[in-house]
């Protein structure tokens, strides 16, 4: 039924103006104002994501967007220069080193950070 329908994902934030600045200026994504407080992110490869305001927003407890990169440390350095702070985890399921990079095997090298609404994003190293 939906095999030919262009699908897209979406997530909520508590302040769409802060989200617009973060995704547009900090992350460098193309952000379109759709009116009514809604935003659309244009992703490489033609993907789109809807951001919508939600008065009782609660941050996602999972990764909502993953950004593949060829050199993780370089991407993290650029993000830090733009004010991004990386999360540190030390649980039975997941640990990160002092810089925020996952040392969990198997899997790609990955680091997580949050948007202004507390939603979790990541950069992950691809070969």
PDB file of N, CA and C in Angstrom:
ATOM      1  N   UNK A   1       0.800  -1.194   0.000  1.00  0.00           N
ATOM      2  CA  UNK A   1       0.000   0.000   0.000  1.00  0.00           C
ATOM      3  C   UNK A   1       0.850   1.269   0.000  1.00  0.00           C
ATOM      4  N   UNK A   2       1.910   1.295   0.831  1.00  0.00           N
ATOM      5  CA  UNK A   2       2.729   2.508   0.918  1.00  0.00           C
ATOM      6  C   UNK A   2       4.072   2.367   0.203  1.00  0.00           C
ATOM      7  N   UNK A   3       4.208   1.363  -0.636  1.00  0.00           N
ATOM      8  CA  UNK A   3       5.476   1.106  -1.313  1.00  0.00           C
ATOM      9  C   UNK A   3       5.972   2.248  -2.169  1.00  0.00           C
ATOM     10  N   UNK A   4       5.092   3.101  -2.619  1.00  0.00           N
ATOM     11  CA  UNK A   4       5.491   4.222  -3.481  1.00  0.00           C
ATOM     12  C   UNK A   4       5.217   5.580  -2.834  1.00  0.00           C
ATOM     13  N   UNK A   5       4.862   5.553  -1.572  1.00  0.00           N
ATOM     14  CA  UNK A   5       4.579   6.793  -0.856  1.00  0.00           C
ATOM     15  C   UNK A   5       5.854   7.310  -0.201  1.00  0.00           C
ATOM     16  N   UNK A   6       6.116   8.599  -0.365  1.00  0.00           N
ATOM     17  CA  UNK A   6       7.293   9.202   0.265  1.00  0.00           C
ATOM     18  C   UNK A   6       6.996   9.411   1.746  1.00  0.00           C
ATOM     19  N   UNK A   7       7.630   8.631   2.585  1.00  0.00           N
ATOM     20  CA  UNK A   7       7.426   8.732   4.024  1.00  0.00           C
ATOM     21  C   UNK A   7       8.475   9.663   4.628  1.00  0.00           C
ATOM     22  N   UNK A   8       8.175  10.184   5.816  1.00  0.00           N
ATOM     23  CA  UNK A   8       9.134  11.004   6.539  1.00  0.00           C
ATOM     24  C   UNK A   8       8.909  10.787   8.026  1.00  0.00           C
ATOM     25  N   UNK A   9       9.906  11.115   8.781  1.00  0.00           N
ATOM     26  CA  UNK A   9       9.848  10.971  10.229  1.00  0.00           C
ATOM     27  C   UNK A   9       9.607  12.335  10.858  1.00  0.00           C
ATOM     28  N   UNK A  10       9.302  12.353  12.134  1.00  0.00           N
ATOM     29  CA  UNK A  10       9.113  13.609  12.840  1.00  0.00           C
ATOM     30  C   UNK A  10       9.363  13.436  14.317  1.00  0.00           C
ATOM     31  N   UNK A  11       9.608  14.545  14.975  1.00  0.00           N
ATOM     32  CA  UNK A  11       9.777  14.535  16.423  1.00  0.00           C
ATOM     33  C   UNK A  11       9.387  15.894  16.985  1.00  0.00           C
ATOM     34  N   UNK A  12       9.113  15.909  18.282  1.00  0.00           N
ATOM     35  CA  UNK A  12       8.660  17.146  18.916  1.00  0.00           C
ATOM     36  C   UNK A  12       9.803  17.867  19.623  1.00  0.00           C
ATOM     37  N   UNK A  13       9.572  19.165  19.836  1.00  0.00           N
ATOM     38  CA  UNK A  13      10.460  20.021  20.621  1.00  0.00           C
ATOM     39  C   UNK A  13       9.594  20.948  21.458  1.00  0.00           C
ATOM     40  N   UNK A  14      10.206  21.572  22.446  1.00  0.00           N
ATOM     41  CA  UNK A  14       9.451  22.511  23.278  1.00  0.00           C
ATOM     42  C   UNK A  14       9.566  23.947  22.785  1.00  0.00           C
ATOM     43  N   UNK A  15      10.502  24.222  21.866  1.00  0.00           N
ATOM     44  CA  UNK A  15      10.721  25.585  21.370  1.00  0.00           C
ATOM     45  C   UNK A  15      11.238  25.488  19.936  1.00  0.00           C
ATOM     46  N   UNK A  16      10.384  25.748  18.964  1.00  0.00           N
ATOM     47  CA  UNK A  16      10.800  25.568  17.577  1.00  0.00           C
ATOM     48  C   UNK A  16      11.809  26.631  17.117  1.00  0.00           C
ATOM     49  N   UNK A  17      11.800  27.804  17.702  1.00  0.00           N
ATOM     50  CA  UNK A  17      12.796  28.814  17.318  1.00  0.00           C
ATOM     51  C   UNK A  17      14.196  28.361  17.738  1.00  0.00           C
ATOM     52  N   UNK A  18      14.323  27.836  18.945  1.00  0.00           N
ATOM     53  CA  UNK A  18      15.631  27.294  19.376  1.00  0.00           C
ATOM     54  C   UNK A  18      16.032  26.121  18.491  1.00  0.00           C
ATOM     55  N   UNK A  19      15.061  25.268  18.137  1.00  0.00           N
ATOM     56  CA  UNK A  19      15.342  24.131  17.258  1.00  0.00           C
ATOM     57  C   UNK A  19      15.812  24.619  15.887  1.00  0.00           C
ATOM     58  N   UNK A  20      15.148  25.645  15.344  1.00  0.00           N
ATOM     59  CA  UNK A  20      15.547  26.193  14.044  1.00  0.00           C
ATOM     60  C   UNK A  20      16.995  26.673  14.061  1.00  0.00           C
ATOM     61  N   UNK A  21      17.353  27.403  15.108  1.00  0.00           N
ATOM     62  CA  UNK A  21      18.733  27.893  15.218  1.00  0.00           C
ATOM     63  C   UNK A  21      19.723  26.736  15.357  1.00  0.00           C
ATOM     64  N   UNK A  22      19.395  25.766  16.205  1.00  0.00           N
ATOM     65  CA  UNK A  22      20.311  24.651  16.438  1.00  0.00           C
ATOM     66  C   UNK A  22      20.519  23.828  15.168  1.00  0.00           C
ATOM     67  N   UNK A  23      19.424  23.388  14.555  1.00  0.00           N
ATOM     68  CA  UNK A  23      19.552  22.532  13.380  1.00  0.00           C
ATOM     69  C   UNK A  23      20.078  23.295  12.170  1.00  0.00           C
ATOM     70  N   UNK A  24      19.708  24.553  12.035  1.00  0.00           N
ATOM     71  CA  UNK A  24      20.162  25.344  10.901  1.00  0.00           C
ATOM     72  C   UNK A  24      21.552  25.905  11.074  1.00  0.00           C
ATOM     73  N   UNK A  25      21.797  26.570  12.202  1.00  0.00           N
ATOM     74  CA  UNK A  25      23.078  27.254  12.402  1.00  0.00           C
ATOM     75  C   UNK A  25      24.140  26.336  12.996  1.00  0.00           C
ATOM     76  N   UNK A  26      23.807  25.618  14.040  1.00  0.00           N
ATOM     77  CA  UNK A  26      24.809  24.773  14.691  1.00  0.00           C
ATOM     78  C   UNK A  26      25.150  23.554  13.843  1.00  0.00           C
ATOM     79  N   UNK A  27      24.119  22.847  13.348  1.00  0.00           N
ATOM     80  CA  UNK A  27      24.370  21.628  12.572  1.00  0.00           C
ATOM     81  C   UNK A  27      24.493  21.877  11.071  1.00  0.00           C
ATOM     82  N   UNK A  28      24.065  23.053  10.605  1.00  0.00           N
ATOM     83  CA  UNK A  28      24.225  23.395   9.200  1.00  0.00           C
ATOM     84  C   UNK A  28      23.239  22.719   8.261  1.00  0.00           C
ATOM     85  N   UNK A  29      22.094  22.311   8.768  1.00  0.00           N
ATOM     86  CA  UNK A  29      21.070  21.701   7.925  1.00  0.00           C
ATOM     87  C   UNK A  29      20.163  22.773   7.329  1.00  0.00           C
ATOM     88  N   UNK A  30      19.550  22.461   6.211  1.00  0.00           N
ATOM     89  CA  UNK A  30      18.564  23.361   5.630  1.00  0.00           C
ATOM     90  C   UNK A  30      17.261  23.186   6.400  1.00  0.00           C
ATOM     91  N   UNK A  31      16.740  24.288   6.928  1.00  0.00           N
ATOM     92  CA  UNK A  31      15.513  24.268   7.722  1.00  0.00           C
ATOM     93  C   UNK A  31      14.469  25.135   7.032  1.00  0.00           C
ATOM     94  N   UNK A  32      13.288  24.566   6.820  1.00  0.00           N
ATOM     95  CA  UNK A  32      12.185  25.293   6.191  1.00  0.00           C
ATOM     96  C   UNK A  32      11.081  25.506   7.212  1.00  0.00           C
ATOM     97  N   UNK A  33      10.603  26.744   7.311  1.00  0.00           N
ATOM     98  CA  UNK A  33       9.482  27.063   8.197  1.00  0.00           C
ATOM     99  C   UNK A  33       8.195  26.704   7.464  1.00  0.00           C
ATOM    100  N   UNK A  34       7.409  25.797   8.042  1.00  0.00           N
ATOM    101  CA  UNK A  34       6.165  25.346   7.425  1.00  0.00           C
ATOM    102  C   UNK A  34       4.944  26.085   7.960  1.00  0.00           C
ATOM    103  N   UNK A  35       5.155  27.008   8.904  1.00  0.00           N
ATOM    104  CA  UNK A  35       4.040  27.697   9.535  1.00  0.00           C
ATOM    105  C   UNK A  35       3.483  26.884  10.684  1.00  0.00           C
ATOM    106  N   UNK A  36       2.740  27.537  11.530  1.00  0.00           N
ATOM    107  CA  UNK A  36       2.143  26.858  12.669  1.00  0.00           C
ATOM    108  C   UNK A  36       3.171  26.305  13.649  1.00  0.00           C
ATOM    109  N   UNK A  37       4.393  26.845  13.609  1.00  0.00           N
ATOM    110  CA  UNK A  37       5.444  26.371  14.501  1.00  0.00           C
ATOM    111  C   UNK A  37       6.165  25.136  14.003  1.00  0.00           C
ATOM    112  N   UNK A  38       5.787  24.628  12.842  1.00  0.00           N
ATOM    113  CA  UNK A  38       6.421  23.414  12.317  1.00  0.00           C
ATOM    114  C   UNK A  38       7.602  23.765  11.417  1.00  0.00           C
ATOM    115  N   UNK A  39       8.614  22.894  11.478  1.00  0.00           N
ATOM    116  CA  UNK A  39       9.811  23.045  10.672  1.00  0.00           C
ATOM    117  C   UNK A  39      10.057  21.759   9.904  1.00  0.00           C
ATOM    118  N   UNK A  40      10.743  21.894   8.769  1.00  0.00           N
ATOM    119  CA  UNK A  40      11.158  20.702   8.023  1.00  0.00           C
ATOM    120  C   UNK A  40      12.663  20.749   7.846  1.00  0.00           C
ATOM    121  N   UNK A  41      13.332  19.663   8.204  1.00  0.00           N
ATOM    122  CA  UNK A  41      14.762  19.514   7.967  1.00  0.00           C
ATOM    123  C   UNK A  41      14.958  18.819   6.636  1.00  0.00           C
ATOM    124  N   UNK A  42      15.828  19.364   5.818  1.00  0.00           N
ATOM    125  CA  UNK A  42      16.198  18.740   4.547  1.00  0.00           C
ATOM    126  C   UNK A  42      17.528  18.032   4.783  1.00  0.00           C
ATOM    127  N   UNK A  43      17.537  16.722   4.613  1.00  0.00           N
ATOM    128  CA  UNK A  43      18.733  15.926   4.851  1.00  0.00           C
ATOM    129  C   UNK A  43      19.397  15.549   3.535  1.00  0.00           C
ATOM    130  N   UNK A  44      20.690  15.277   3.590  1.00  0.00           N
ATOM    131  CA  UNK A  44      21.403  14.821   2.400  1.00  0.00           C
ATOM    132  C   UNK A  44      20.724  13.568   1.863  1.00  0.00           C
ATOM    133  N   UNK A  45      20.681  13.431   0.544  1.00  0.00           N
ATOM    134  CA  UNK A  45      20.058  12.269  -0.061  1.00  0.00           C
ATOM    135  C   UNK A  45      18.560  12.407  -0.247  1.00  0.00           C
ATOM    136  N   UNK A  46      18.004  13.572   0.083  1.00  0.00           N
ATOM    137  CA  UNK A  46      16.590  13.809  -0.143  1.00  0.00           C
ATOM    138  C   UNK A  46      15.674  13.500   1.021  1.00  0.00           C
ATOM    139  N   UNK A  47      16.213  13.062   2.135  1.00  0.00           N
ATOM    140  CA  UNK A  47      15.372  12.789   3.297  1.00  0.00           C
ATOM    141  C   UNK A  47      14.855  14.062   3.935  1.00  0.00           C
ATOM    142  N   UNK A  48      13.720  13.939   4.584  1.00  0.00           N
ATOM    143  CA  UNK A  48      13.122  15.074   5.285  1.00  0.00           C
ATOM    144  C   UNK A  48      12.638  14.618   6.660  1.00  0.00           C
ATOM    145  N   UNK A  49      12.689  15.529   7.605  1.00  0.00           N
ATOM    146  CA  UNK A  49      12.209  15.270   8.957  1.00  0.00           C
ATOM    147  C   UNK A  49      11.360  16.455   9.393  1.00  0.00           C
ATOM    148  N   UNK A  50      10.219  16.177   9.983  1.00  0.00           N
ATOM    149  CA  UNK A  50       9.324  17.207  10.499  1.00  0.00           C
ATOM    150  C   UNK A  50       9.628  17.449  11.972  1.00  0.00           C
ATOM    151  N   UNK A  51       9.745  18.723  12.340  1.00  0.00           N
ATOM    152  CA  UNK A  51       9.879  19.109  13.746  1.00  0.00           C
ATOM    153  C   UNK A  51       8.626  19.886  14.094  1.00  0.00           C
ATOM    154  N   UNK A  52       7.973  19.498  15.181  1.00  0.00           N
ATOM    155  CA  UNK A  52       6.723  20.148  15.549  1.00  0.00           C
ATOM    156  C   UNK A  52       6.734  20.514  17.031  1.00  0.00           C
ATOM    157  N   UNK A  53       6.041  21.601  17.380  1.00  0.00           N
ATOM    158  CA  UNK A  53       5.988  22.013  18.783  1.00  0.00           C
ATOM    159  C   UNK A  53       5.016  21.131  19.553  1.00  0.00           C
ATOM    160  N   UNK A  54       5.363  20.869  20.793  1.00  0.00           N
ATOM    161  CA  UNK A  54       4.478  20.092  21.659  1.00  0.00           C
ATOM    162  C   UNK A  54       4.574  20.698  23.050  1.00  0.00           C
ATOM    163  N   UNK A  55       3.491  21.263  23.554  1.00  0.00           N
ATOM    164  CA  UNK A  55       3.534  21.945  24.854  1.00  0.00           C
ATOM    165  C   UNK A  55       4.014  21.051  26.000  1.00  0.00           C
ATOM    166  N   UNK A  56       3.648  19.780  25.969  1.00  0.00           N
ATOM    167  CA  UNK A  56       4.078  18.873  27.038  1.00  0.00           C
ATOM    168  C   UNK A  56       5.218  17.967  26.559  1.00  0.00           C
ATOM    169  N   UNK A  57       6.084  18.521  25.709  1.00  0.00           N
ATOM    170  CA  UNK A  57       7.215  17.772  25.129  1.00  0.00           C
ATOM    171  C   UNK A  57       8.034  17.084  26.208  1.00  0.00           C
ATOM    172  N   UNK A  58       8.378  15.843  25.929  1.00  0.00           N
ATOM    173  CA  UNK A  58       9.346  15.103  26.735  1.00  0.00           C
ATOM    174  C   UNK A  58      10.411  14.611  25.773  1.00  0.00           C
ATOM    175  N   UNK A  59      11.681  14.827  26.089  1.00  0.00           N
ATOM    176  CA  UNK A  59      12.749  14.419  25.171  1.00  0.00           C
ATOM    177  C   UNK A  59      12.713  12.922  24.893  1.00  0.00           C
ATOM    178  N   UNK A  60      13.059  12.580  23.661  1.00  0.00           N
ATOM    179  CA  UNK A  60      13.157  11.173  23.289  1.00  0.00           C
ATOM    180  C   UNK A  60      14.269  10.519  24.109  1.00  0.00           C
ATOM    181  N   UNK A  61      14.052   9.293  24.515  1.00  0.00           N
ATOM    182  CA  UNK A  61      15.046   8.551  25.294  1.00  0.00           C
ATOM    183  C   UNK A  61      15.866   7.627  24.401  1.00  0.00           C
ATOM    184  N   UNK A  62      15.789   7.852  23.112  1.00  0.00           N
ATOM    185  CA  UNK A  62      16.504   7.064  22.109  1.00  0.00           C
ATOM    186  C   UNK A  62      17.065   8.040  21.076  1.00  0.00           C
ATOM    187  N   UNK A  63      17.930   7.563  20.215  1.00  0.00           N
ATOM    188  CA  UNK A  63      18.543   8.417  19.201  1.00  0.00           C
ATOM    189  C   UNK A  63      17.543   8.699  18.087  1.00  0.00           C
ATOM    190  N   UNK A  64      17.233   9.971  17.864  1.00  0.00           N
ATOM    191  CA  UNK A  64      16.240  10.328  16.843  1.00  0.00           C
ATOM    192  C   UNK A  64      16.865  10.567  15.473  1.00  0.00           C
ATOM    193  N   UNK A  65      18.124  10.995  15.435  1.00  0.00           N
ATOM    194  CA  UNK A  65      18.830  11.211  14.169  1.00  0.00           C
ATOM    195  C   UNK A  65      20.280  10.771  14.326  1.00  0.00           C
ATOM    196  N   UNK A  66      20.789  10.090  13.302  1.00  0.00           N
ATOM    197  CA  UNK A  66      22.187   9.667  13.259  1.00  0.00           C
ATOM    198  C   UNK A  66      22.852  10.331  12.059  1.00  0.00           C
ATOM    199  N   UNK A  67      24.010  10.926  12.267  1.00  0.00           N
ATOM    200  CA  UNK A  67      24.735  11.581  11.195  1.00  0.00           C
ATOM    201  C   UNK A  67      26.033  10.830  10.927  1.00  0.00           C
ATOM    202  N   UNK A  68      26.109  10.065   9.822  1.00  0.00           N
ATOM    203  CA  UNK A  68      27.338   9.348   9.493  1.00  0.00           C
ATOM    204  C   UNK A  68      28.443  10.322   9.076  1.00  0.00           C
ATOM    205  N   UNK A  69      29.657  10.038   9.532  1.00  0.00           N
ATOM    206  CA  UNK A  69      30.821  10.855   9.187  1.00  0.00           C
ATOM    207  C   UNK A  69      31.985   9.921   8.862  1.00  0.00           C
ATOM    208  N   UNK A  70      32.970  10.439   8.132  1.00  0.00           N
ATOM    209  CA  UNK A  70      34.128   9.604   7.801  1.00  0.00           C
ATOM    210  C   UNK A  70      35.208   9.683   8.873  1.00  0.00           C
ATOM    211  N   UNK A  71      35.254  10.786   9.633  1.00  0.00           N
ATOM    212  CA  UNK A  71      36.256  10.928  10.692  1.00  0.00           C
ATOM    213  C   UNK A  71      35.569  11.467  11.940  1.00  0.00           C
ATOM    214  N   UNK A  72      35.341  10.595  12.895  1.00  0.00           N
ATOM    215  CA  UNK A  72      34.553  10.937  14.072  1.00  0.00           C
ATOM    216  C   UNK A  72      35.157  12.079  14.877  1.00  0.00           C
ATOM    217  N   UNK A  73      36.452  12.014  15.172  1.00  0.00           N
ATOM    218  CA  UNK A  73      37.064  13.048  16.007  1.00  0.00           C
ATOM    219  C   UNK A  73      36.995  14.420  15.351  1.00  0.00           C
ATOM    220  N   UNK A  74      37.180  14.479  14.043  1.00  0.00           N
ATOM    221  CA  UNK A  74      37.109  15.767  13.341  1.00  0.00           C
ATOM    222  C   UNK A  74      35.696  16.342  13.435  1.00  0.00           C
ATOM    223  N   UNK A  75      34.694  15.495  13.234  1.00  0.00           N
ATOM    224  CA  UNK A  75      33.301  15.961  13.333  1.00  0.00           C
ATOM    225  C   UNK A  75      32.995  16.419  14.748  1.00  0.00           C
ATOM    226  N   UNK A  76      33.450  15.665  15.736  1.00  0.00           N
ATOM    227  CA  UNK A  76      33.213  16.048  17.127  1.00  0.00           C
ATOM    228  C   UNK A  76      33.906  17.364  17.452  1.00  0.00           C
ATOM    229  N   UNK A  77      35.110  17.552  16.936  1.00  0.00           N
ATOM    230  CA  UNK A  77      35.831  18.799  17.178  1.00  0.00           C
ATOM    231  C   UNK A  77      35.092  20.000  16.607  1.00  0.00           C
ATOM    232  N   UNK A  78      34.567  19.850  15.393  1.00  0.00           N
ATOM    233  CA  UNK A  78      33.820  20.945  14.776  1.00  0.00           C
ATOM    234  C   UNK A  78      32.537  21.228  15.552  1.00  0.00           C
ATOM    235  N   UNK A  79      31.850  20.173  15.979  1.00  0.00           N
ATOM    236  CA  UNK A  79      30.627  20.366  16.765  1.00  0.00           C
ATOM    237  C   UNK A  79      30.932  21.033  18.108  1.00  0.00           C
ATOM    238  N   UNK A  80      32.019  20.639  18.751  1.00  0.00           N
ATOM    239  CA  UNK A  80      32.404  21.280  20.024  1.00  0.00           C
ATOM    240  C   UNK A  80      32.661  22.769  19.817  1.00  0.00           C
ATOM    241  N   UNK A  81      33.326  23.117  18.701  1.00  0.00           N
ATOM    242  CA  UNK A  81      33.569  24.529  18.399  1.00  0.00           C
ATOM    243  C   UNK A  81      32.264  25.306  18.239  1.00  0.00           C
ATOM    244  N   UNK A  82      31.207  24.610  17.881  1.00  0.00           N
ATOM    245  CA  UNK A  82      29.895  25.232  17.710  1.00  0.00           C
ATOM    246  C   UNK A  82      29.048  25.140  18.974  1.00  0.00           C
ATOM    247  N   UNK A  83      29.653  24.688  20.077  1.00  0.00           N
ATOM    248  CA  UNK A  83      28.972  24.677  21.366  1.00  0.00           C
ATOM    249  C   UNK A  83      28.297  23.376  21.750  1.00  0.00           C
ATOM    250  N   UNK A  84      28.461  22.332  20.954  1.00  0.00           N
ATOM    251  CA  UNK A  84      27.832  21.045  21.259  1.00  0.00           C
ATOM    252  C   UNK A  84      28.637  20.312  22.326  1.00  0.00           C
ATOM    253  N   UNK A  85      27.935  19.755  23.289  1.00  0.00           N
ATOM    254  CA  UNK A  85      28.562  18.936  24.329  1.00  0.00           C
ATOM    255  C   UNK A  85      28.130  17.495  24.121  1.00  0.00           C
ATOM    256  N   UNK A  86      29.072  16.575  24.282  1.00  0.00           N
ATOM    257  CA  UNK A  86      28.788  15.163  24.067  1.00  0.00           C
ATOM    258  C   UNK A  86      28.426  14.471  25.371  1.00  0.00           C
ATOM    259  N   UNK A  87      27.531  13.507  25.248  1.00  0.00           N
ATOM    260  CA  UNK A  87      27.042  12.762  26.400  1.00  0.00           C
ATOM    261  C   UNK A  87      28.075  11.726  26.829  1.00  0.00           C
ATOM    262  N   UNK A  88      28.051  11.422  28.104  1.00  0.00           N
ATOM    263  CA  UNK A  88      28.900  10.353  28.653  1.00  0.00           C
ATOM    264  C   UNK A  88      27.973   9.303  29.244  1.00  0.00           C
ATOM    265  N   UNK A  89      28.238   8.038  28.939  1.00  0.00           N
ATOM    266  CA  UNK A  89      27.426   6.940  29.448  1.00  0.00           C
ATOM    267  C   UNK A  89      28.322   5.907  30.117  1.00  0.00           C
ATOM    268  N   UNK A  90      27.825   5.361  31.196  1.00  0.00           N
ATOM    269  CA  UNK A  90      28.514   4.270  31.884  1.00  0.00           C
ATOM    270  C   UNK A  90      27.448   3.354  32.480  1.00  0.00           C
ATOM    271  N   UNK A  91      26.919   2.477  31.643  1.00  0.00           N
ATOM    272  CA  UNK A  91      25.884   1.539  32.061  1.00  0.00           C
ATOM    273  C   UNK A  91      26.320   0.132  31.689  1.00  0.00           C
ATOM    274  N   UNK A  92      25.536  -0.838  32.079  1.00  0.00           N
ATOM    275  CA  UNK A  92      25.836  -2.225  31.704  1.00  0.00           C
ATOM    276  C   UNK A  92      25.780  -2.407  30.192  1.00  0.00           C
ATOM    277  N   UNK A  93      24.917  -1.639  29.523  1.00  0.00           N
ATOM    278  CA  UNK A  93      24.727  -1.791  28.084  1.00  0.00           C
ATOM    279  C   UNK A  93      25.613  -0.885  27.238  1.00  0.00           C
ATOM    280  N   UNK A  94      26.050   0.218  27.805  1.00  0.00           N
ATOM    281  CA  UNK A  94      26.752   1.215  27.004  1.00  0.00           C
ATOM    282  C   UNK A  94      27.728   2.003  27.853  1.00  0.00           C
ATOM    283  N   UNK A  95      28.945   2.127  27.341  1.00  0.00           N
ATOM    284  CA  UNK A  95      29.932   2.990  27.983  1.00  0.00           C
ATOM    285  C   UNK A  95      30.597   3.850  26.914  1.00  0.00           C
ATOM    286  N   UNK A  96      31.031   5.028  27.332  1.00  0.00           N
ATOM    287  CA  UNK A  96      31.782   5.910  26.453  1.00  0.00           C
ATOM    288  C   UNK A  96      33.098   6.262  27.132  1.00  0.00           C
ATOM    289  N   UNK A  97      34.072   6.655  26.333  1.00  0.00           N
ATOM    290  CA  UNK A  97      35.349   7.085  26.903  1.00  0.00           C
ATOM    291  C   UNK A  97      35.225   8.533  27.383  1.00  0.00           C
ATOM    292  N   UNK A  98      36.326   9.112  27.802  1.00  0.00           N
ATOM    293  CA  UNK A  98      36.315  10.459  28.371  1.00  0.00           C
ATOM    294  C   UNK A  98      35.866  11.525  27.366  1.00  0.00           C
ATOM    295  N   UNK A  99      35.980  11.237  26.066  1.00  0.00           N
ATOM    296  CA  UNK A  99      35.564  12.212  25.057  1.00  0.00           C
ATOM    297  C   UNK A  99      34.114  12.033  24.634  1.00  0.00           C
ATOM    298  N   UNK A 100      33.488  10.928  25.060  1.00  0.00           N
ATOM    299  CA  UNK A 100      32.107  10.659  24.693  1.00  0.00           C
ATOM    300  C   UNK A 100      31.942   9.633  23.591  1.00  0.00           C
ATOM    301  N   UNK A 101      33.033   8.992  23.173  1.00  0.00           N
ATOM    302  CA  UNK A 101      32.971   7.997  22.103  1.00  0.00           C
ATOM    303  C   UNK A 101      32.675   6.623  22.688  1.00  0.00           C
ATOM    304  N   UNK A 102      31.724   5.931  22.077  1.00  0.00           N
ATOM    305  CA  UNK A 102      31.345   4.595  22.520  1.00  0.00           C
ATOM    306  C   UNK A 102      32.500   3.630  22.308  1.00  0.00           C
ATOM    307  N   UNK A 103      32.757   2.832  23.324  1.00  0.00           N
ATOM    308  CA  UNK A 103      33.762   1.777  23.169  1.00  0.00           C
ATOM    309  C   UNK A 103      33.099   0.400  23.246  1.00  0.00           C
ATOM    310  N   UNK A 104      31.804   0.374  22.935  1.00  0.00           N
ATOM    311  CA  UNK A 104      31.045  -0.866  22.952  1.00  0.00           C
ATOM    312  C   UNK A 104      31.255  -1.604  21.636  1.00  0.00           C
ATOM    313  N   UNK A 105      31.609  -2.868  21.720  1.00  0.00           N
ATOM    314  CA  UNK A 105      31.825  -3.694  20.542  1.00  0.00           C
ATOM    315  C   UNK A 105      30.729  -4.730  20.462  1.00  0.00           C
ATOM    316  N   UNK A 106      30.194  -5.137  19.366  1.00  0.00           N
ATOM    317  CA  UNK A 106      30.500  -4.644  18.028  1.00  0.00           C
ATOM    318  C   UNK A 106      29.708  -3.390  17.721  1.00  0.00           C
ATOM    319  N   UNK A 107      30.039  -2.791  16.627  1.00  0.00           N
ATOM    320  CA  UNK A 107      29.316  -1.600  16.209  1.00  0.00           C
ATOM    321  C   UNK A 107      30.251  -0.498  15.800  1.00  0.00           C
ATOM    322  N   UNK A 108      29.709   0.532  15.160  1.00  0.00           N
ATOM    323  CA  UNK A 108      30.554   1.651  14.728  1.00  0.00           C
ATOM    324  C   UNK A 108      30.965   2.507  15.923  1.00  0.00           C
ATOM    325  N   UNK A 109      32.014   3.261  15.733  1.00  0.00           N
ATOM    326  CA  UNK A 109      32.387   4.264  16.730  1.00  0.00           C
ATOM    327  C   UNK A 109      31.327   5.351  16.648  1.00  0.00           C
ATOM    328  N   UNK A 110      30.788   5.728  17.796  1.00  0.00           N
ATOM    329  CA  UNK A 110      29.640   6.635  17.815  1.00  0.00           C
ATOM    330  C   UNK A 110      29.705   7.533  19.037  1.00  0.00           C
ATOM    331  N   UNK A 111      29.190   8.746  18.904  1.00  0.00           N
ATOM    332  CA  UNK A 111      29.118   9.694  20.023  1.00  0.00           C
ATOM    333  C   UNK A 111      27.748  10.372  19.971  1.00  0.00           C
ATOM    334  N   UNK A 112      27.181  10.609  21.140  1.00  0.00           N
ATOM    335  CA  UNK A 112      25.834  11.163  21.230  1.00  0.00           C
ATOM    336  C   UNK A 112      25.849  12.576  21.798  1.00  0.00           C
ATOM    337  N   UNK A 113      24.886  13.382  21.368  1.00  0.00           N
ATOM    338  CA  UNK A 113      24.699  14.727  21.890  1.00  0.00           C
ATOM    339  C   UNK A 113      23.212  15.036  21.847  1.00  0.00           C
ATOM    340  N   UNK A 114      22.802  16.139  22.458  1.00  0.00           N
ATOM    341  CA  UNK A 114      21.384  16.474  22.540  1.00  0.00           C
ATOM    342  C   UNK A 114      21.096  17.801  21.856  1.00  0.00           C
ATOM    343  N   UNK A 115      19.873  17.899  21.336  1.00  0.00           N
ATOM    344  CA  UNK A 115      19.409  19.183  20.807  1.00  0.00           C
ATOM    345  C   UNK A 115      18.901  20.026  21.981  1.00  0.00           C
ATOM    346  N   UNK A 116      18.526  21.282  21.765  1.00  0.00           N
ATOM    347  CA  UNK A 116      18.079  22.132  22.877  1.00  0.00           C
ATOM    348  C   UNK A 116      16.849  21.602  23.617  1.00  0.00           C
ATOM    349  N   UNK A 117      16.059  20.739  22.971  1.00  0.00           N
ATOM    350  CA  UNK A 117      14.871  20.167  23.610  1.00  0.00           C
ATOM    351  C   UNK A 117      15.198  18.876  24.364  1.00  0.00           C
ATOM    352  N   UNK A 118      16.476  18.459  24.338  1.00  0.00           N
ATOM    353  CA  UNK A 118      16.892  17.258  25.051  1.00  0.00           C
ATOM    354  C   UNK A 118      16.800  15.977  24.241  1.00  0.00           C
ATOM    355  N   UNK A 119      16.417  16.062  22.959  1.00  0.00           N
ATOM    356  CA  UNK A 119      16.373  14.879  22.102  1.00  0.00           C
ATOM    357  C   UNK A 119      17.788  14.424  21.780  1.00  0.00           C
ATOM    358  N   UNK A 120      17.992  13.125  21.654  1.00  0.00           N
ATOM    359  CA  UNK A 120      19.324  12.547  21.460  1.00  0.00           C
ATOM    360  C   UNK A 120      19.624  12.381  19.975  1.00  0.00           C
ATOM    361  N   UNK A 121      20.831  12.829  19.573  1.00  0.00           N
ATOM    362  CA  UNK A 121      21.342  12.676  18.217  1.00  0.00           C
ATOM    363  C   UNK A 121      22.712  12.027  18.297  1.00  0.00           C
ATOM    364  N   UNK A 122      23.229  11.574  17.170  1.00  0.00           N
ATOM    365  CA  UNK A 122      24.559  10.991  17.196  1.00  0.00           C
ATOM    366  C   UNK A 122      25.340  11.323  15.933  1.00  0.00           C
ATOM    367  N   UNK A 123      26.638  11.228  16.063  1.00  0.00           N
ATOM    368  CA  UNK A 123      27.551  11.152  14.915  1.00  0.00           C
ATOM    369  C   UNK A 123      28.191   9.775  15.009  1.00  0.00           C
ATOM    370  N   UNK A 124      28.268   9.095  13.870  1.00  0.00           N
ATOM    371  CA  UNK A 124      28.874   7.766  13.880  1.00  0.00           C
ATOM    372  C   UNK A 124      29.799   7.630  12.705  1.00  0.00           C
ATOM    373  N   UNK A 125      30.899   6.947  12.951  1.00  0.00           N
ATOM    374  CA  UNK A 125      31.942   6.809  11.935  1.00  0.00           C
ATOM    375  C   UNK A 125      31.639   5.660  11.002  1.00  0.00           C
ATOM    376  N   UNK A 126      31.634   5.969   9.711  1.00  0.00           N
ATOM    377  CA  UNK A 126      31.461   4.950   8.680  1.00  0.00           C
ATOM    378  C   UNK A 126      32.771   4.767   7.933  1.00  0.00           C
ATOM    379  N   UNK A 127      32.979   3.561   7.465  1.00  0.00           N
ATOM    380  CA  UNK A 127      34.197   3.276   6.689  1.00  0.00           C
ATOM    381  C   UNK A 127      34.142   3.910   5.318  1.00  0.00           C
TER     382      UNK A 127
END
